[in-house]
Amino acid sequence: MTASNENQQAFNAAELSRIIEMAWEDRTPFEAIEAQFNLSETEVIQLMRKSLKDRSFRLWRQRTSGRATKHQKLRPKDVLRAYCPTQYKSKNK
């Protein structure tokens, strides 16, 4: 068993769901996933391949490949956050 398989098996359903959600988010870089869940970009790709249907995985790879906001080094200097300000709306409004 590889280290990436051990990492993937250690996640509960909520953590796995959050990793997938973060991977789909345009403004969340792979480095943020690595910092929070200790998964490299390669391990995230493996997890997504295993967790998604084939078509969904291909759509995700097409969407994330070459996207500057998914890689901290490629992001414009003015992008300082990992999410859009309207993404997490308060229920009190």
N, C-alpha and C. Protein backbone atom coordinates (compact mmCIF):
# COMPACT_ATOMS: atom_id res chain seq x y z
N MET A 1 0.85 -1.19 0.00
CA MET A 1 0.00 0.00 0.00
C MET A 1 0.88 1.24 0.00
N THR A 2 0.60 2.19 -0.89
CA THR A 2 1.41 3.41 -0.99
C THR A 2 0.97 4.43 0.04
N ALA A 3 1.79 5.45 0.23
CA ALA A 3 1.46 6.51 1.19
C ALA A 3 0.17 7.22 0.78
N SER A 4 -0.02 7.43 -0.52
CA SER A 4 -1.24 8.13 -0.96
C SER A 4 -2.48 7.31 -0.65
N ASN A 5 -2.41 5.99 -0.81
CA ASN A 5 -3.56 5.15 -0.46
C ASN A 5 -3.84 5.20 1.03
N GLU A 6 -2.78 5.21 1.85
CA GLU A 6 -2.96 5.31 3.29
C GLU A 6 -3.63 6.62 3.66
N ASN A 7 -3.21 7.73 3.03
CA ASN A 7 -3.82 9.03 3.29
C ASN A 7 -5.29 9.02 2.92
N GLN A 8 -5.62 8.47 1.75
CA GLN A 8 -6.98 8.48 1.27
C GLN A 8 -7.89 7.64 2.16
N GLN A 9 -7.40 6.54 2.68
CA GLN A 9 -8.20 5.70 3.54
C GLN A 9 -8.43 6.32 4.90
N ALA A 10 -7.58 7.24 5.31
CA ALA A 10 -7.68 7.85 6.62
C ALA A 10 -8.78 8.91 6.69
N PHE A 11 -9.33 9.34 5.56
CA PHE A 11 -10.32 10.41 5.55
C PHE A 11 -11.72 9.87 5.81
N ASN A 12 -12.44 10.57 6.68
CA ASN A 12 -13.84 10.20 6.86
C ASN A 12 -14.66 10.84 5.74
N ALA A 13 -15.94 10.55 5.70
CA ALA A 13 -16.80 11.01 4.60
C ALA A 13 -16.83 12.54 4.50
N ALA A 14 -16.87 13.23 5.64
CA ALA A 14 -16.91 14.70 5.62
C ALA A 14 -15.60 15.28 5.08
N GLU A 15 -14.48 14.71 5.49
CA GLU A 15 -13.18 15.19 5.00
C GLU A 15 -13.03 14.93 3.51
N LEU A 16 -13.42 13.74 3.07
CA LEU A 16 -13.35 13.41 1.66
C LEU A 16 -14.22 14.36 0.84
N SER A 17 -15.40 14.64 1.33
CA SER A 17 -16.30 15.58 0.65
C SER A 17 -15.68 16.96 0.57
N ARG A 18 -15.03 17.41 1.63
CA ARG A 18 -14.41 18.74 1.64
C ARG A 18 -13.22 18.79 0.67
N ILE A 19 -12.43 17.72 0.60
CA ILE A 19 -11.30 17.69 -0.34
C ILE A 19 -11.82 17.81 -1.77
N ILE A 20 -12.86 17.06 -2.09
CA ILE A 20 -13.43 17.10 -3.43
C ILE A 20 -13.99 18.49 -3.72
N GLU A 21 -14.66 19.08 -2.75
CA GLU A 21 -15.20 20.43 -2.91
C GLU A 21 -14.08 21.43 -3.17
N MET A 22 -13.01 21.34 -2.38
CA MET A 22 -11.88 22.27 -2.55
C MET A 22 -11.22 22.06 -3.92
N ALA A 23 -11.12 20.83 -4.36
CA ALA A 23 -10.51 20.54 -5.66
C ALA A 23 -11.35 21.13 -6.79
N TRP A 24 -12.67 21.14 -6.65
CA TRP A 24 -13.54 21.71 -7.69
C TRP A 24 -13.52 23.23 -7.68
N GLU A 25 -13.27 23.84 -6.53
CA GLU A 25 -13.29 25.30 -6.44
C GLU A 25 -12.16 25.91 -7.26
N ASP A 26 -12.51 26.87 -8.10
CA ASP A 26 -11.52 27.49 -8.99
C ASP A 26 -10.44 28.22 -8.23
N ARG A 27 -10.78 28.87 -7.14
CA ARG A 27 -9.83 29.75 -6.46
C ARG A 27 -9.07 29.07 -5.33
N THR A 28 -9.33 27.79 -5.09
CA THR A 28 -8.61 27.08 -4.04
C THR A 28 -7.42 26.37 -4.65
N PRO A 29 -6.20 26.82 -4.34
CA PRO A 29 -5.01 26.19 -4.93
C PRO A 29 -4.75 24.81 -4.33
N PHE A 30 -4.05 23.99 -5.08
CA PHE A 30 -3.68 22.66 -4.59
C PHE A 30 -2.85 22.77 -3.32
N GLU A 31 -2.09 23.84 -3.19
CA GLU A 31 -1.27 24.04 -1.99
C GLU A 31 -2.13 24.16 -0.73
N ALA A 32 -3.32 24.73 -0.86
CA ALA A 32 -4.23 24.85 0.29
C ALA A 32 -4.74 23.47 0.71
N ILE A 33 -5.01 22.62 -0.26
CA ILE A 33 -5.44 21.25 0.04
C ILE A 33 -4.30 20.50 0.72
N GLU A 34 -3.09 20.71 0.21
CA GLU A 34 -1.93 20.03 0.81
C GLU A 34 -1.70 20.51 2.24
N ALA A 35 -1.84 21.80 2.47
CA ALA A 35 -1.63 22.34 3.82
C ALA A 35 -2.67 21.80 4.81
N GLN A 36 -3.89 21.65 4.36
CA GLN A 36 -4.97 21.23 5.26
C GLN A 36 -5.06 19.71 5.40
N PHE A 37 -4.83 18.97 4.31
CA PHE A 37 -5.06 17.53 4.33
C PHE A 37 -3.81 16.70 4.03
N ASN A 38 -2.68 17.34 3.82
CA ASN A 38 -1.41 16.66 3.56
C ASN A 38 -1.49 15.76 2.31
N LEU A 39 -2.15 16.27 1.26
CA LEU A 39 -2.23 15.57 -0.02
C LEU A 39 -1.56 16.42 -1.09
N SER A 40 -0.63 15.84 -1.81
CA SER A 40 0.02 16.55 -2.91
C SER A 40 -0.97 16.67 -4.07
N GLU A 41 -0.61 17.47 -5.06
CA GLU A 41 -1.46 17.62 -6.24
C GLU A 41 -1.69 16.26 -6.90
N THR A 42 -0.65 15.46 -7.02
CA THR A 42 -0.76 14.12 -7.62
C THR A 42 -1.73 13.26 -6.83
N GLU A 43 -1.66 13.32 -5.51
CA GLU A 43 -2.56 12.53 -4.66
C GLU A 43 -4.00 13.02 -4.78
N VAL A 44 -4.20 14.34 -4.93
CA VAL A 44 -5.55 14.88 -5.13
C VAL A 44 -6.10 14.36 -6.45
N ILE A 45 -5.28 14.34 -7.48
CA ILE A 45 -5.72 13.83 -8.78
C ILE A 45 -6.11 12.36 -8.66
N GLN A 46 -5.31 11.58 -7.96
CA GLN A 46 -5.63 10.16 -7.76
C GLN A 46 -6.94 10.00 -7.00
N LEU A 47 -7.11 10.80 -5.95
CA LEU A 47 -8.33 10.74 -5.15
C LEU A 47 -9.55 11.10 -6.00
N MET A 48 -9.42 12.15 -6.82
CA MET A 48 -10.52 12.57 -7.67
C MET A 48 -10.83 11.49 -8.70
N ARG A 49 -9.82 10.87 -9.27
CA ARG A 49 -10.04 9.81 -10.26
C ARG A 49 -10.81 8.65 -9.63
N LYS A 50 -10.46 8.32 -8.38
CA LYS A 50 -11.11 7.22 -7.67
C LYS A 50 -12.52 7.57 -7.22
N SER A 51 -12.74 8.84 -6.87
CA SER A 51 -14.00 9.25 -6.25
C SER A 51 -15.08 9.69 -7.23
N LEU A 52 -14.68 10.17 -8.41
CA LEU A 52 -15.64 10.70 -9.37
C LEU A 52 -15.94 9.70 -10.47
N LYS A 53 -17.08 9.88 -11.11
CA LYS A 53 -17.37 9.11 -12.32
C LYS A 53 -16.38 9.53 -13.39
N ASP A 54 -16.15 8.66 -14.38
CA ASP A 54 -15.16 8.95 -15.42
C ASP A 54 -15.39 10.30 -16.10
N ARG A 55 -16.62 10.57 -16.49
CA ARG A 55 -16.93 11.83 -17.19
C ARG A 55 -16.69 13.03 -16.28
N SER A 56 -17.09 12.93 -15.02
CA SER A 56 -16.88 14.03 -14.07
C SER A 56 -15.39 14.28 -13.86
N PHE A 57 -14.61 13.20 -13.77
CA PHE A 57 -13.17 13.35 -13.60
C PHE A 57 -12.57 14.06 -14.80
N ARG A 58 -12.95 13.66 -16.02
CA ARG A 58 -12.41 14.30 -17.22
C ARG A 58 -12.78 15.78 -17.27
N LEU A 59 -14.01 16.11 -16.88
CA LEU A 59 -14.44 17.51 -16.84
C LEU A 59 -13.62 18.29 -15.82
N TRP A 60 -13.39 17.69 -14.66
CA TRP A 60 -12.60 18.36 -13.62
C TRP A 60 -11.16 18.59 -14.08
N ARG A 61 -10.54 17.57 -14.70
CA ARG A 61 -9.17 17.72 -15.17
C ARG A 61 -9.08 18.79 -16.24
N GLN A 62 -10.05 18.80 -17.13
CA GLN A 62 -10.07 19.82 -18.18
C GLN A 62 -10.20 21.21 -17.56
N ARG A 63 -11.02 21.31 -16.54
CA ARG A 63 -11.25 22.60 -15.87
C ARG A 63 -10.02 23.08 -15.11
N THR A 64 -9.31 22.17 -14.44
CA THR A 64 -8.20 22.57 -13.58
C THR A 64 -6.86 22.62 -14.30
N SER A 65 -6.71 21.92 -15.40
CA SER A 65 -5.43 21.91 -16.12
C SER A 65 -5.13 23.30 -16.67
N GLY A 66 -4.01 23.83 -16.27
CA GLY A 66 -3.59 25.13 -16.75
C GLY A 66 -4.27 26.32 -16.09
N ARG A 67 -5.13 26.09 -15.13
CA ARG A 67 -5.82 27.19 -14.44
C ARG A 67 -4.87 27.81 -13.43
N ALA A 68 -4.55 29.06 -13.63
CA ALA A 68 -3.56 29.74 -12.79
C ALA A 68 -3.97 29.79 -11.32
N THR A 69 -5.26 29.89 -11.03
CA THR A 69 -5.69 30.02 -9.64
C THR A 69 -5.59 28.71 -8.87
N LYS A 70 -5.37 27.58 -9.55
CA LYS A 70 -5.23 26.31 -8.86
C LYS A 70 -3.79 26.05 -8.42
N HIS A 71 -2.87 26.93 -8.80
CA HIS A 71 -1.47 26.79 -8.45
C HIS A 71 -0.97 28.10 -7.87
N GLN A 72 -0.55 28.07 -6.62
CA GLN A 72 -0.13 29.27 -5.90
C GLN A 72 0.91 30.08 -6.67
N LYS A 73 1.88 29.42 -7.30
CA LYS A 73 2.94 30.13 -8.01
C LYS A 73 2.44 30.83 -9.27
N LEU A 74 1.36 30.33 -9.85
CA LEU A 74 0.84 30.92 -11.09
C LEU A 74 -0.21 32.00 -10.86
N ARG A 75 -0.66 32.12 -9.61
CA ARG A 75 -1.73 33.08 -9.30
C ARG A 75 -1.24 34.51 -9.42
N PRO A 76 -2.11 35.39 -9.88
CA PRO A 76 -1.76 36.81 -9.88
C PRO A 76 -1.52 37.27 -8.44
N LYS A 77 -0.64 38.22 -8.27
CA LYS A 77 -0.27 38.70 -6.92
C LYS A 77 -1.46 39.32 -6.18
N ASP A 78 -2.46 39.84 -6.92
CA ASP A 78 -3.60 40.48 -6.26
C ASP A 78 -4.65 39.49 -5.75
N VAL A 79 -4.51 38.19 -6.04
CA VAL A 79 -5.44 37.18 -5.53
C VAL A 79 -4.89 36.70 -4.19
N LEU A 80 -5.51 37.17 -3.13
CA LEU A 80 -5.01 36.89 -1.79
C LEU A 80 -5.86 35.88 -1.02
N ARG A 81 -7.01 35.54 -1.54
CA ARG A 81 -7.90 34.63 -0.82
C ARG A 81 -8.21 33.43 -1.71
N ALA A 82 -8.76 32.39 -1.10
CA ALA A 82 -9.04 31.16 -1.84
C ALA A 82 -10.50 31.03 -2.24
N TYR A 83 -11.32 32.04 -1.92
CA TYR A 83 -12.73 31.93 -2.28
C TYR A 83 -13.29 33.29 -2.62
N CYS A 84 -14.39 33.29 -3.31
CA CYS A 84 -15.09 34.51 -3.67
C CYS A 84 -15.81 35.06 -2.44
N PRO A 85 -15.87 36.38 -2.25
CA PRO A 85 -16.52 36.94 -1.06
C PRO A 85 -17.99 36.55 -0.93
N THR A 86 -18.64 36.25 -2.04
CA THR A 86 -20.07 35.88 -1.96
C THR A 86 -20.28 34.37 -1.85
N GLN A 87 -19.20 33.61 -1.79
CA GLN A 87 -19.33 32.15 -1.74
C GLN A 87 -19.98 31.67 -0.46
N TYR A 88 -19.59 32.22 0.66
CA TYR A 88 -20.12 31.80 1.95
C TYR A 88 -21.02 32.90 2.49
N LYS A 89 -22.27 32.86 2.07
CA LYS A 89 -23.22 33.89 2.48
C LYS A 89 -23.74 33.62 3.87
N SER A 90 -23.91 34.66 4.63
CA SER A 90 -24.45 34.55 5.96
C SER A 90 -25.94 34.28 5.89
N LYS A 91 -26.43 33.42 6.76
CA LYS A 91 -27.86 33.11 6.79
C LYS A 91 -28.66 34.20 7.50
N ASN A 92 -27.96 35.13 8.16
CA ASN A 92 -28.63 36.19 8.89
C ASN A 92 -29.08 37.33 8.00
N LYS A 93 -28.65 37.34 6.73
CA LYS A 93 -28.97 38.45 5.85
C LYS A 93 -30.29 38.22 5.15
